[in-house]
Amino acid sequence: MEEFLGVSWPVFVGLTVVLFGGAAWLAGQAAASGWRPMSYVVWYTLLLGLGDRFLVFALFEGPLLSIPGYIIDTAVLMVFSLLGYQATRAGMMVKQYPWLYERSGPLGWREKRAA
């Protein structure tokens, strides 16, 4: 798998999953907090993937123009950003419209049932 990523597993986990994964989660939260559509999250995450590949290149001498590495990194970041977006959006819907919606798990909401 290192031939696709261009770096070792600990570097991938530390840089992509922990550091950039946290940034992707925050980007998803920011887009949801501003009531932006999910397409914004996709664009933000594509840019974060470029930043991740640059730091892999600059700090750990990984390949800069690795298409498989970019796709894998960006796919992992996309998961984090979309989860952050959906979790924040669910909380906002329930908080802003408490008479209409109730929480349905960590990522969803549903209409309240008549009592």
C-alpha atoms as a PDB file:
ATOM      1  CA  MET A   1       0.000   0.000   0.000  1.00  0.00           C
ATOM      2  CA  GLU A   2       2.984   2.304   0.524  1.00  0.00           C
ATOM      3  CA  GLU A   3       3.571   2.436  -3.230  1.00  0.00           C
ATOM      4  CA  PHE A   4       0.131   4.046  -3.635  1.00  0.00           C
ATOM      5  CA  LEU A   5       0.369   6.396  -0.665  1.00  0.00           C
ATOM      6  CA  GLY A   6       3.993   7.349  -1.192  1.00  0.00           C
ATOM      7  CA  VAL A   7       4.622   7.291   2.572  1.00  0.00           C
ATOM      8  CA  SER A   8       4.561   4.808   5.430  1.00  0.00           C
ATOM      9  CA  TRP A   9       1.420   3.908   7.381  1.00  0.00           C
ATOM     10  CA  PRO A  10       2.339   5.952  10.492  1.00  0.00           C
ATOM     11  CA  VAL A  11       2.856   9.049   8.352  1.00  0.00           C
ATOM     12  CA  PHE A  12      -0.437   8.444   6.542  1.00  0.00           C
ATOM     13  CA  VAL A  13      -2.336   7.987   9.800  1.00  0.00           C
ATOM     14  CA  GLY A  14      -0.680  10.942  11.517  1.00  0.00           C
ATOM     15  CA  LEU A  15      -0.850  13.442   8.688  1.00  0.00           C
ATOM     16  CA  THR A  16      -3.897  12.450   6.654  1.00  0.00           C
ATOM     17  CA  VAL A  17      -6.180  10.862   9.221  1.00  0.00           C
ATOM     18  CA  VAL A  18      -5.377  12.852  12.358  1.00  0.00           C
ATOM     19  CA  LEU A  19      -4.232  16.283  11.171  1.00  0.00           C
ATOM     20  CA  PHE A  20      -6.075  16.717   7.879  1.00  0.00           C
ATOM     21  CA  GLY A  21      -8.985  14.530   9.015  1.00  0.00           C
ATOM     22  CA  GLY A  22      -9.594  17.005  11.834  1.00  0.00           C
ATOM     23  CA  ALA A  23      -9.371  19.883   9.381  1.00  0.00           C
ATOM     24  CA  ALA A  24     -11.836  18.126   7.062  1.00  0.00           C
ATOM     25  CA  TRP A  25     -14.262  17.586   9.969  1.00  0.00           C
ATOM     26  CA  LEU A  26     -14.046  21.303  10.794  1.00  0.00           C
ATOM     27  CA  ALA A  27     -14.553  22.246   7.132  1.00  0.00           C
ATOM     28  CA  GLY A  28     -17.711  20.142   7.075  1.00  0.00           C
ATOM     29  CA  GLN A  29     -18.924  21.783  10.275  1.00  0.00           C
ATOM     30  CA  ALA A  30     -18.199  25.247   8.897  1.00  0.00           C
ATOM     31  CA  ALA A  31     -20.141  24.592   5.702  1.00  0.00           C
ATOM     32  CA  ALA A  32     -23.099  23.191   7.630  1.00  0.00           C
ATOM     33  CA  SER A  33     -23.069  26.052  10.134  1.00  0.00           C
ATOM     34  CA  GLY A  34     -23.381  28.532   7.291  1.00  0.00           C
ATOM     35  CA  TRP A  35     -26.262  26.550   5.750  1.00  0.00           C
ATOM     36  CA  ARG A  36     -24.131  25.946   2.657  1.00  0.00           C
ATOM     37  CA  PRO A  37     -24.975  23.064   0.305  1.00  0.00           C
ATOM     38  CA  MET A  38     -23.007  19.837   0.480  1.00  0.00           C
ATOM     39  CA  SER A  39     -21.237  20.693  -2.783  1.00  0.00           C
ATOM     40  CA  TYR A  40     -19.164  23.247  -0.852  1.00  0.00           C
ATOM     41  CA  VAL A  41     -17.846  20.469   1.335  1.00  0.00           C
ATOM     42  CA  VAL A  42     -16.734  18.521  -1.723  1.00  0.00           C
ATOM     43  CA  TRP A  43     -14.759  21.491  -3.075  1.00  0.00           C
ATOM     44  CA  TYR A  44     -13.203  22.244   0.325  1.00  0.00           C
ATOM     45  CA  THR A  45     -12.142  18.629   0.648  1.00  0.00           C
ATOM     46  CA  LEU A  46     -10.576  18.534  -2.807  1.00  0.00           C
ATOM     47  CA  LEU A  47      -8.433  21.501  -1.770  1.00  0.00           C
ATOM     48  CA  LEU A  48      -7.538  19.848   1.530  1.00  0.00           C
ATOM     49  CA  GLY A  49      -6.400  16.802  -0.445  1.00  0.00           C
ATOM     50  CA  LEU A  50      -4.003  19.019  -2.392  1.00  0.00           C
ATOM     51  CA  GLY A  51      -2.654  20.476   0.838  1.00  0.00           C
ATOM     52  CA  ASP A  52      -2.183  16.997   2.254  1.00  0.00           C
ATOM     53  CA  ARG A  53      -0.245  15.845  -0.808  1.00  0.00           C
ATOM     54  CA  PHE A  54       1.952  18.928  -0.604  1.00  0.00           C
ATOM     55  CA  LEU A  55       2.842  18.276   3.040  1.00  0.00           C
ATOM     56  CA  VAL A  56       3.563  14.621   2.257  1.00  0.00           C
ATOM     57  CA  PHE A  57       5.957  15.867  -0.401  1.00  0.00           C
ATOM     58  CA  ALA A  58       7.513  18.706   1.613  1.00  0.00           C
ATOM     59  CA  LEU A  59       7.902  16.987   4.981  1.00  0.00           C
ATOM     60  CA  PHE A  60       8.302  13.301   4.172  1.00  0.00           C
ATOM     61  CA  GLU A  61       9.710  13.290   0.613  1.00  0.00           C
ATOM     62  CA  GLY A  62       6.678  11.534  -0.815  1.00  0.00           C
ATOM     63  CA  PRO A  63       5.677  11.973  -4.449  1.00  0.00           C
ATOM     64  CA  LEU A  64       3.883  15.249  -5.098  1.00  0.00           C
ATOM     65  CA  LEU A  65       2.049  14.245  -8.268  1.00  0.00           C
ATOM     66  CA  SER A  66       0.788  10.841  -7.174  1.00  0.00           C
ATOM     67  CA  ILE A  67      -2.735  10.408  -8.549  1.00  0.00           C
ATOM     68  CA  PRO A  68      -3.492   7.242  -6.517  1.00  0.00           C
ATOM     69  CA  GLY A  69      -2.123   8.925  -3.389  1.00  0.00           C
ATOM     70  CA  TYR A  70      -4.284  11.989  -3.954  1.00  0.00           C
ATOM     71  CA  ILE A  71      -7.384   9.894  -4.567  1.00  0.00           C
ATOM     72  CA  ILE A  72      -6.850   7.795  -1.426  1.00  0.00           C
ATOM     73  CA  ASP A  73      -6.049  10.820   0.743  1.00  0.00           C
ATOM     74  CA  THR A  74      -8.991  12.803  -0.590  1.00  0.00           C
ATOM     75  CA  ALA A  75     -11.389   9.869  -0.163  1.00  0.00           C
ATOM     76  CA  VAL A  76     -10.403   9.549   3.502  1.00  0.00           C
ATOM     77  CA  LEU A  77     -10.782  13.303   3.984  1.00  0.00           C
ATOM     78  CA  MET A  78     -14.143  13.262   2.195  1.00  0.00           C
ATOM     79  CA  VAL A  79     -15.473  10.770   4.739  1.00  0.00           C
ATOM     80  CA  PHE A  80     -14.442  13.031   7.621  1.00  0.00           C
ATOM     81  CA  SER A  81     -15.816  16.201   6.050  1.00  0.00           C
ATOM     82  CA  LEU A  82     -19.157  14.683   5.071  1.00  0.00           C
ATOM     83  CA  LEU A  83     -19.595  13.151   8.521  1.00  0.00           C
ATOM     84  CA  GLY A  84     -18.825  16.518  10.119  1.00  0.00           C
ATOM     85  CA  TYR A  85     -21.275  18.215   7.772  1.00  0.00           C
ATOM     86  CA  GLN A  86     -24.098  15.764   8.405  1.00  0.00           C
ATOM     87  CA  ALA A  87     -23.624  15.646  12.183  1.00  0.00           C
ATOM     88  CA  THR A  88     -23.662  19.437  12.389  1.00  0.00           C
ATOM     89  CA  ARG A  89     -26.637  19.779  10.038  1.00  0.00           C
ATOM     90  CA  ALA A  90     -28.641  17.264  12.096  1.00  0.00           C
ATOM     91  CA  GLY A  91     -27.924  19.162  15.295  1.00  0.00           C
ATOM     92  CA  MET A  92     -28.846  22.469  13.706  1.00  0.00           C
ATOM     93  CA  MET A  93     -32.149  21.176  12.338  1.00  0.00           C
ATOM     94  CA  VAL A  94     -33.198  19.824  15.717  1.00  0.00           C
ATOM     95  CA  LYS A  95     -32.044  22.938  17.567  1.00  0.00           C
ATOM     96  CA  GLN A  96     -33.583  25.460  15.173  1.00  0.00           C
ATOM     97  CA  TYR A  97     -36.868  23.607  14.617  1.00  0.00           C
ATOM     98  CA  PRO A  98     -37.542  21.740  17.876  1.00  0.00           C
ATOM     99  CA  TRP A  99     -41.308  21.690  17.271  1.00  0.00           C
ATOM    100  CA  LEU A 100     -40.840  19.920  13.919  1.00  0.00           C
ATOM    101  CA  TYR A 101     -37.879  17.585  14.273  1.00  0.00           C
ATOM    102  CA  GLU A 102     -36.255  15.251  16.749  1.00  0.00           C
ATOM    103  CA  ARG A 103     -32.872  13.587  16.647  1.00  0.00           C
ATOM    104  CA  SER A 104     -32.676  10.252  14.869  1.00  0.00           C
ATOM    105  CA  GLY A 105     -29.183   9.001  15.592  1.00  0.00           C
ATOM    106  CA  PRO A 106     -25.985  11.011  15.443  1.00  0.00           C
ATOM    107  CA  LEU A 107     -26.334  11.914  11.755  1.00  0.00           C
ATOM    108  CA  GLY A 108     -30.044  12.311  11.200  1.00  0.00           C
ATOM    109  CA  TRP A 109     -33.336  13.835  12.219  1.00  0.00           C
ATOM    110  CA  ARG A 110     -36.965  12.982  11.668  1.00  0.00           C
ATOM    111  CA  GLU A 111     -40.327  14.665  11.991  1.00  0.00           C
ATOM    112  CA  LYS A 112     -41.812  14.567  15.453  1.00  0.00           C
ATOM    113  CA  ARG A 113     -44.681  12.221  15.881  1.00  0.00           C
ATOM    114  CA  ALA A 114     -47.983  13.563  17.230  1.00  0.00           C
ATOM    115  CA  ALA A 115     -48.298  12.845  20.942  1.00  0.00           C
END
